[in-house]
Amino acid sequence: MVVDAELGRFGDLLFGSALAVYVLAMILHAVEHGLLRRPSPAAAEARVPVGVGGGTGTDEAPVAPTDRTPRSRAERFGRMGVSLTVLGFGLHAAMLVVRGFAAQRVPWGNMYEFTAAISLVAVAAWLVVLRRHPDLRRLGVFVLLPVIVLMFLAGTVLYTQTAPVVPALRSYWLVVHVSAAVVSSGILLLAGVASCLYLLRAAHEANPGRLAWTSRLPGADVLDRVAYRATALAFPIWTFAVITGAIWAEAAWGRYWGWDPKETTAFIAWVVFACYLHARSTAGWRGRRAAVINVVGFAVMVFNLFFVNLVVTGLHSYAGVG
């Protein structure tokens, strides 16, 4: 298998460009967040939270907004942030495509590529949410922050030059199993951020004197719905990833399950998210307790991504960190 080193370097340039654009987008979203006015108590009671799957649901206003309504400074900065996020997403996607052509394989064969792919899915999920509900744009700084951290780690600590994958990964299951893991992990990243923000926002609503900056966030109910629906979408995909991983293990090692650290942690994450979805659908466990479970699941995913891959020795030790 011939590797195009020059094309690989171009992919690395695209990766760095995407990261730089994401940083600028996050800065613009941070400026937007800082310029937002804290809603007065009367205005907060008059507004109906925006749901991820429903309409805007606002009470009738004295003056209906029109296309000619002047945009505030905060909105202008936020829209510029979204535009840069879309540009960064394009560069990011192009990087993975170029990396795939350079290595002549799917571009998620090592930790550098895998982390970049997860980040891309997280940004894609965020843009889909924004497309349906632009009012959630104020969350942009908090969504892009973990993406930027992951990409920074990928480009520094986890970076690997373009190369063929190890023989154990030369299987069509690399496409099926790992792509499912990438998609579900990226969506769960968005869900984890929403649950973290929910806990902070709920703490402020319970005691307005605490965490005053969270008053600029959407209501706790909105964040709860974002987290729930993202997790509900990602959970079947994660289930498929766990099942196909077991099938691949049987084909590669002659057993479906061997309690390898990677397998065990993936299963623990599956159990935690299953508990979250069950808790969220049970009236007595909605709210803070369910959100805590989702945050724990997100923490297990991060632990699985870094500690298990880089520190623990097992049959899945294919980090490819060079």
Protein backbone atom coordinates (compact mmCIF):
# COMPACT_ATOMS: atom_id res chain seq x y z
CA MET A 1 0.00 0.00 0.00
CA VAL A 2 1.56 3.27 -1.18
CA VAL A 3 1.13 6.33 1.05
CA ASP A 4 1.10 9.82 -0.50
CA ALA A 5 3.18 11.75 2.04
CA GLU A 6 2.70 15.09 0.27
CA LEU A 7 -1.07 14.71 0.29
CA GLY A 8 -0.85 13.71 3.95
CA ARG A 9 0.98 16.93 4.78
CA PHE A 10 -1.71 18.89 2.97
CA GLY A 11 -4.28 17.13 5.16
CA ASP A 12 -2.33 18.22 8.24
CA LEU A 13 -2.43 21.80 6.95
CA LEU A 14 -6.20 21.55 6.56
CA PHE A 15 -6.42 20.20 10.12
CA GLY A 16 -4.47 23.15 11.52
CA SER A 17 -6.56 25.59 9.49
CA ALA A 18 -9.80 24.06 10.75
CA LEU A 19 -8.57 24.28 14.33
CA ALA A 20 -7.62 27.94 13.91
CA VAL A 21 -11.03 28.76 12.40
CA TYR A 22 -12.80 26.97 15.25
CA VAL A 23 -10.81 29.02 17.77
CA LEU A 24 -11.88 32.25 16.05
CA ALA A 25 -15.49 31.03 15.97
CA MET A 26 -15.36 30.25 19.68
CA ILE A 27 -13.99 33.73 20.41
CA LEU A 28 -16.86 35.32 18.47
CA HIS A 29 -19.38 33.18 20.33
CA ALA A 30 -17.73 34.18 23.62
CA VAL A 31 -18.12 37.84 22.65
CA GLU A 32 -21.76 37.18 21.81
CA HIS A 33 -22.28 35.50 25.17
CA GLY A 34 -20.66 38.41 26.95
CA LEU A 35 -22.82 40.97 25.13
CA LEU A 36 -26.08 39.20 25.89
CA ARG A 37 -28.16 40.95 28.47
CA ARG A 38 -29.33 39.02 31.46
CA PRO A 39 -33.09 38.55 31.17
CA SER A 40 -35.16 40.30 33.79
CA PRO A 41 -37.32 38.07 36.02
CA ALA A 42 -40.48 39.29 34.28
CA ALA A 43 -39.07 38.56 30.83
CA ALA A 44 -37.86 35.15 31.93
CA GLU A 45 -41.33 34.23 33.19
CA ALA A 46 -42.95 35.47 29.98
CA ARG A 47 -40.79 33.38 27.67
CA VAL A 48 -41.52 29.74 26.88
CA PRO A 49 -38.32 27.70 26.42
CA VAL A 50 -37.34 26.57 22.96
CA GLY A 51 -37.34 22.80 22.51
CA VAL A 52 -35.05 20.80 20.30
CA GLY A 53 -37.92 19.16 18.50
CA GLY A 54 -40.68 21.75 18.75
CA GLY A 55 -41.42 25.28 17.63
CA THR A 56 -40.18 28.50 19.16
CA GLY A 57 -43.12 28.62 21.57
CA THR A 58 -42.94 32.26 22.63
CA ASP A 59 -45.87 34.25 24.03
CA GLU A 60 -47.48 36.84 21.83
CA ALA A 61 -45.27 39.93 21.72
CA PRO A 62 -46.44 43.54 21.30
CA VAL A 63 -44.44 43.87 18.10
CA ALA A 64 -43.89 40.86 15.85
CA PRO A 65 -40.30 40.53 14.63
CA THR A 66 -39.71 41.11 10.95
CA ASP A 67 -36.82 40.76 8.56
CA ARG A 68 -36.23 44.49 8.95
CA THR A 69 -35.68 44.26 12.70
CA PRO A 70 -32.12 45.53 13.35
CA ARG A 71 -29.78 42.90 14.68
CA SER A 72 -28.10 43.45 18.01
CA ARG A 73 -24.34 43.44 18.36
CA ALA A 74 -24.51 40.10 20.13
CA GLU A 75 -26.46 38.54 17.27
CA ARG A 76 -24.02 39.87 14.69
CA PHE A 77 -21.08 38.34 16.53
CA GLY A 78 -23.00 35.10 16.95
CA ARG A 79 -23.85 34.86 13.26
CA MET A 80 -20.22 35.46 12.37
CA GLY A 81 -19.29 32.70 14.79
CA VAL A 82 -21.69 30.31 13.08
CA SER A 83 -20.31 31.24 9.66
CA LEU A 84 -16.78 30.52 10.81
CA THR A 85 -17.95 27.24 12.36
CA VAL A 86 -19.35 26.19 8.99
CA LEU A 87 -16.07 27.18 7.31
CA GLY A 88 -14.10 25.22 9.91
CA PHE A 89 -16.38 22.23 9.40
CA GLY A 90 -15.68 22.32 5.66
CA LEU A 91 -11.92 22.42 6.22
CA HIS A 92 -12.23 19.71 8.85
CA ALA A 93 -14.19 17.39 6.55
CA ALA A 94 -11.75 18.06 3.71
CA MET A 95 -8.87 17.11 6.02
CA LEU A 96 -10.36 13.66 6.69
CA VAL A 97 -11.09 13.11 2.99
CA VAL A 98 -7.55 14.09 2.02
CA ARG A 99 -6.11 11.93 4.80
CA GLY A 100 -8.13 8.98 3.53
CA PHE A 101 -6.89 9.39 -0.02
CA ALA A 102 -3.31 9.85 1.18
CA ALA A 103 -3.40 6.63 3.22
CA GLN A 104 -5.74 4.80 0.80
CA ARG A 105 -8.05 3.72 3.61
CA VAL A 106 -10.77 5.10 5.86
CA PRO A 107 -9.36 8.05 7.85
CA TRP A 108 -9.88 6.72 11.37
CA GLY A 109 -7.15 4.15 11.76
CA ASN A 110 -5.29 5.76 14.70
CA MET A 111 -5.99 8.03 17.64
CA TYR A 112 -5.18 11.22 15.72
CA GLU A 113 -7.69 10.45 12.99
CA PHE A 114 -10.26 8.92 15.35
CA THR A 115 -10.29 12.00 17.58
CA ALA A 116 -10.50 14.29 14.56
CA ALA A 117 -13.45 12.29 13.24
CA ILE A 118 -15.29 12.44 16.58
CA SER A 119 -14.79 16.20 16.67
CA LEU A 120 -16.16 16.51 13.14
CA VAL A 121 -19.33 14.59 14.05
CA ALA A 122 -19.79 16.75 17.16
CA VAL A 123 -19.60 19.92 15.06
CA ALA A 124 -21.97 18.42 12.48
CA ALA A 125 -24.50 17.56 15.21
CA TRP A 126 -24.20 21.08 16.58
CA LEU A 127 -24.82 22.63 13.16
CA VAL A 128 -27.92 20.45 12.70
CA VAL A 129 -29.27 21.69 16.04
CA LEU A 130 -28.51 25.28 15.02
CA ARG A 131 -30.25 24.79 11.68
CA ARG A 132 -33.44 23.81 13.44
CA HIS A 133 -33.16 26.18 16.41
CA PRO A 134 -30.99 29.28 15.84
CA ASP A 135 -31.91 30.57 19.30
CA LEU A 136 -29.54 27.97 20.77
CA ARG A 137 -26.60 29.73 19.13
CA ARG A 138 -25.50 31.13 22.50
CA LEU A 139 -24.30 27.62 23.38
CA GLY A 140 -21.67 27.79 20.64
CA VAL A 141 -18.76 28.72 22.90
CA PHE A 142 -19.43 25.74 25.16
CA VAL A 143 -19.80 23.25 22.30
CA LEU A 144 -16.68 24.41 20.47
CA LEU A 145 -14.49 24.44 23.59
CA PRO A 146 -14.28 20.61 24.01
CA VAL A 147 -13.96 20.22 20.24
CA ILE A 148 -10.97 22.56 20.22
CA VAL A 149 -9.41 20.78 23.21
CA LEU A 150 -9.81 17.39 21.50
CA MET A 151 -8.37 18.68 18.24
CA PHE A 152 -5.45 20.34 20.00
CA LEU A 153 -4.63 17.07 21.75
CA ALA A 154 -5.04 15.20 18.47
CA GLY A 155 -2.68 17.55 16.66
CA THR A 156 -0.02 17.48 19.38
CA VAL A 157 -0.01 14.51 21.76
CA LEU A 158 -1.82 12.09 19.46
CA TYR A 159 -0.42 13.18 16.11
CA THR A 160 0.66 10.41 13.74
CA GLN A 161 1.99 10.79 10.22
CA THR A 162 0.00 9.31 7.37
CA ALA A 163 0.70 5.58 7.23
CA PRO A 164 -1.05 2.25 6.62
CA VAL A 165 -2.89 0.72 9.56
CA VAL A 166 -1.49 -2.24 11.46
CA PRO A 167 -2.42 -5.66 9.99
CA ALA A 168 -4.98 -6.36 12.74
CA LEU A 169 -7.06 -3.38 11.55
CA ARG A 170 -7.07 -4.28 7.86
CA SER A 171 -10.65 -5.42 7.84
CA TYR A 172 -13.98 -4.16 6.55
CA TRP A 173 -15.03 -4.06 10.21
CA LEU A 174 -12.82 -0.99 10.53
CA VAL A 175 -15.39 0.79 8.36
CA VAL A 176 -18.48 -0.68 10.04
CA HIS A 177 -17.54 -0.83 13.72
CA VAL A 178 -15.32 2.24 14.06
CA SER A 179 -17.57 4.50 11.99
CA ALA A 180 -20.47 3.66 14.34
CA ALA A 181 -18.25 4.42 17.32
CA VAL A 182 -17.19 7.73 15.76
CA VAL A 183 -20.75 8.88 14.99
CA SER A 184 -22.18 7.91 18.37
CA SER A 185 -19.23 9.39 20.29
CA GLY A 186 -19.50 12.71 18.47
CA ILE A 187 -23.23 13.03 19.20
CA LEU A 188 -22.72 11.97 22.82
CA LEU A 189 -20.14 14.73 23.17
CA LEU A 190 -22.87 17.26 22.37
CA ALA A 191 -25.21 15.51 24.82
CA GLY A 192 -22.58 15.60 27.55
CA VAL A 193 -21.99 19.32 27.10
CA ALA A 194 -25.75 19.97 27.26
CA SER A 195 -26.08 17.95 30.49
CA CYS A 196 -23.15 19.79 32.10
CA LEU A 197 -24.72 23.13 31.20
CA TYR A 198 -28.09 21.88 32.45
CA LEU A 199 -26.65 21.20 35.90
CA LEU A 200 -25.11 24.68 36.03
CA ARG A 201 -28.27 26.37 34.75
CA ALA A 202 -30.50 24.40 37.14
CA ALA A 203 -28.26 25.41 40.06
CA HIS A 204 -28.70 29.07 39.07
CA GLU A 205 -32.47 28.74 38.73
CA ALA A 206 -32.65 27.14 42.17
CA ASN A 207 -30.47 29.89 43.66
CA PRO A 208 -30.29 33.01 41.41
CA GLY A 209 -27.36 34.34 43.41
CA ARG A 210 -25.10 31.52 42.17
CA LEU A 211 -23.51 31.21 38.71
CA ALA A 212 -25.02 34.45 37.43
CA TRP A 213 -23.39 34.01 34.01
CA THR A 214 -25.63 30.99 33.31
CA SER A 215 -28.65 33.31 33.14
CA ARG A 216 -27.61 34.00 29.55
CA LEU A 217 -28.01 30.31 28.67
CA PRO A 218 -31.27 28.79 27.46
CA GLY A 219 -33.54 27.50 30.21
CA ALA A 220 -32.77 24.26 32.02
CA ASP A 221 -35.71 22.55 30.31
CA VAL A 222 -34.24 23.35 26.90
CA LEU A 223 -30.81 22.00 27.81
CA ASP A 224 -32.42 18.89 29.28
CA ARG A 225 -34.24 18.21 26.00
CA VAL A 226 -31.10 18.76 23.93
CA ALA A 227 -29.19 16.27 26.08
CA TYR A 228 -31.98 13.70 26.07
CA ARG A 229 -32.67 13.77 22.34
CA ALA A 230 -29.00 13.68 21.42
CA THR A 231 -28.42 10.70 23.71
CA ALA A 232 -31.54 8.95 22.44
CA LEU A 233 -30.22 9.35 18.88
CA ALA A 234 -26.69 8.20 19.68
CA PHE A 235 -27.54 5.26 21.95
CA PRO A 236 -28.74 2.85 19.20
CA ILE A 237 -25.64 3.70 17.16
CA TRP A 238 -23.41 3.03 20.17
CA THR A 239 -25.26 -0.25 20.71
CA PHE A 240 -24.53 -1.19 17.11
CA ALA A 241 -20.85 -0.30 17.64
CA VAL A 242 -20.62 -2.57 20.70
CA ILE A 243 -22.32 -5.46 18.86
CA THR A 244 -20.17 -5.15 15.74
CA GLY A 245 -17.10 -4.88 17.93
CA ALA A 246 -17.97 -8.24 19.46
CA ILE A 247 -18.46 -9.76 16.01
CA TRP A 248 -15.10 -8.39 14.86
CA ALA A 249 -13.47 -9.77 18.02
CA GLU A 250 -14.79 -13.24 17.21
CA ALA A 251 -13.43 -13.01 13.67
CA ALA A 252 -10.03 -11.69 14.84
CA TRP A 253 -9.45 -13.48 18.15
CA GLY A 254 -11.91 -16.37 18.15
CA ARG A 255 -14.17 -15.04 20.93
CA TYR A 256 -16.97 -12.48 21.11
CA TRP A 257 -16.06 -11.13 24.51
CA GLY A 258 -12.91 -11.35 26.58
CA TRP A 259 -13.26 -8.54 29.14
CA ASP A 260 -10.48 -6.59 27.47
CA PRO A 261 -10.22 -3.07 29.07
CA LYS A 262 -11.61 -1.42 25.94
CA GLU A 263 -14.52 -3.84 25.71
CA THR A 264 -15.30 -3.54 29.41
CA THR A 265 -15.24 0.27 29.43
CA ALA A 266 -17.39 0.44 26.28
CA PHE A 267 -19.93 -1.85 27.93
CA ILE A 268 -19.89 0.25 31.12
CA ALA A 269 -20.60 3.35 29.03
CA TRP A 270 -23.48 1.51 27.33
CA VAL A 271 -24.97 0.58 30.72
CA VAL A 272 -24.65 4.15 32.01
CA PHE A 273 -26.38 5.65 28.97
CA ALA A 274 -29.09 2.98 29.16
CA CYS A 275 -29.63 3.97 32.80
CA TYR A 276 -29.81 7.63 31.78
CA LEU A 277 -32.46 7.02 29.12
CA HIS A 278 -34.46 4.93 31.56
CA ALA A 279 -34.08 7.54 34.29
CA ARG A 280 -35.00 10.36 31.94
CA SER A 281 -38.20 8.58 30.88
CA THR A 282 -39.15 7.95 34.53
CA ALA A 283 -40.91 10.92 36.11
CA GLY A 284 -39.20 10.51 39.48
CA TRP A 285 -35.70 10.61 37.98
CA ARG A 286 -35.96 13.49 35.54
CA GLY A 287 -33.89 16.58 36.03
CA ARG A 288 -30.71 16.80 38.03
CA ARG A 289 -30.28 13.11 38.86
CA ALA A 290 -30.74 12.03 35.26
CA ALA A 291 -28.30 14.73 34.08
CA VAL A 292 -25.69 13.52 36.56
CA ILE A 293 -25.97 10.02 35.07
CA ASN A 294 -25.47 11.42 31.57
CA VAL A 295 -22.40 13.37 32.69
CA VAL A 296 -20.99 10.18 34.21
CA GLY A 297 -21.54 8.42 30.87
CA PHE A 298 -19.73 11.25 29.10
CA ALA A 299 -16.84 10.95 31.58
CA VAL A 300 -16.63 7.20 30.93
CA MET A 301 -16.41 7.88 27.17
CA VAL A 302 -13.55 10.34 27.71
CA PHE A 303 -11.81 7.84 30.01
CA ASN A 304 -12.23 5.14 27.34
CA LEU A 305 -10.88 7.40 24.62
CA PHE A 306 -7.70 8.51 26.40
CA PHE A 307 -6.79 6.42 29.44
CA VAL A 308 -7.75 3.01 28.05
CA ASN A 309 -6.20 3.68 24.66
CA LEU A 310 -3.00 5.31 25.87
CA VAL A 311 -2.26 3.91 29.33
CA VAL A 312 -3.86 0.50 29.70
CA THR A 313 -2.36 -2.38 27.73
CA GLY A 314 -4.84 -4.63 25.97
CA LEU A 315 -5.83 -6.19 22.68
CA HIS A 316 -7.18 -2.81 21.55
CA SER A 317 -3.88 -0.96 22.03
CA TYR A 318 -3.77 0.51 18.52
CA ALA A 319 -3.38 4.15 19.51
CA GLY A 320 -0.74 4.69 16.86
CA VAL A 321 0.81 7.60 18.71
CA GLY A 322 4.11 8.45 17.15
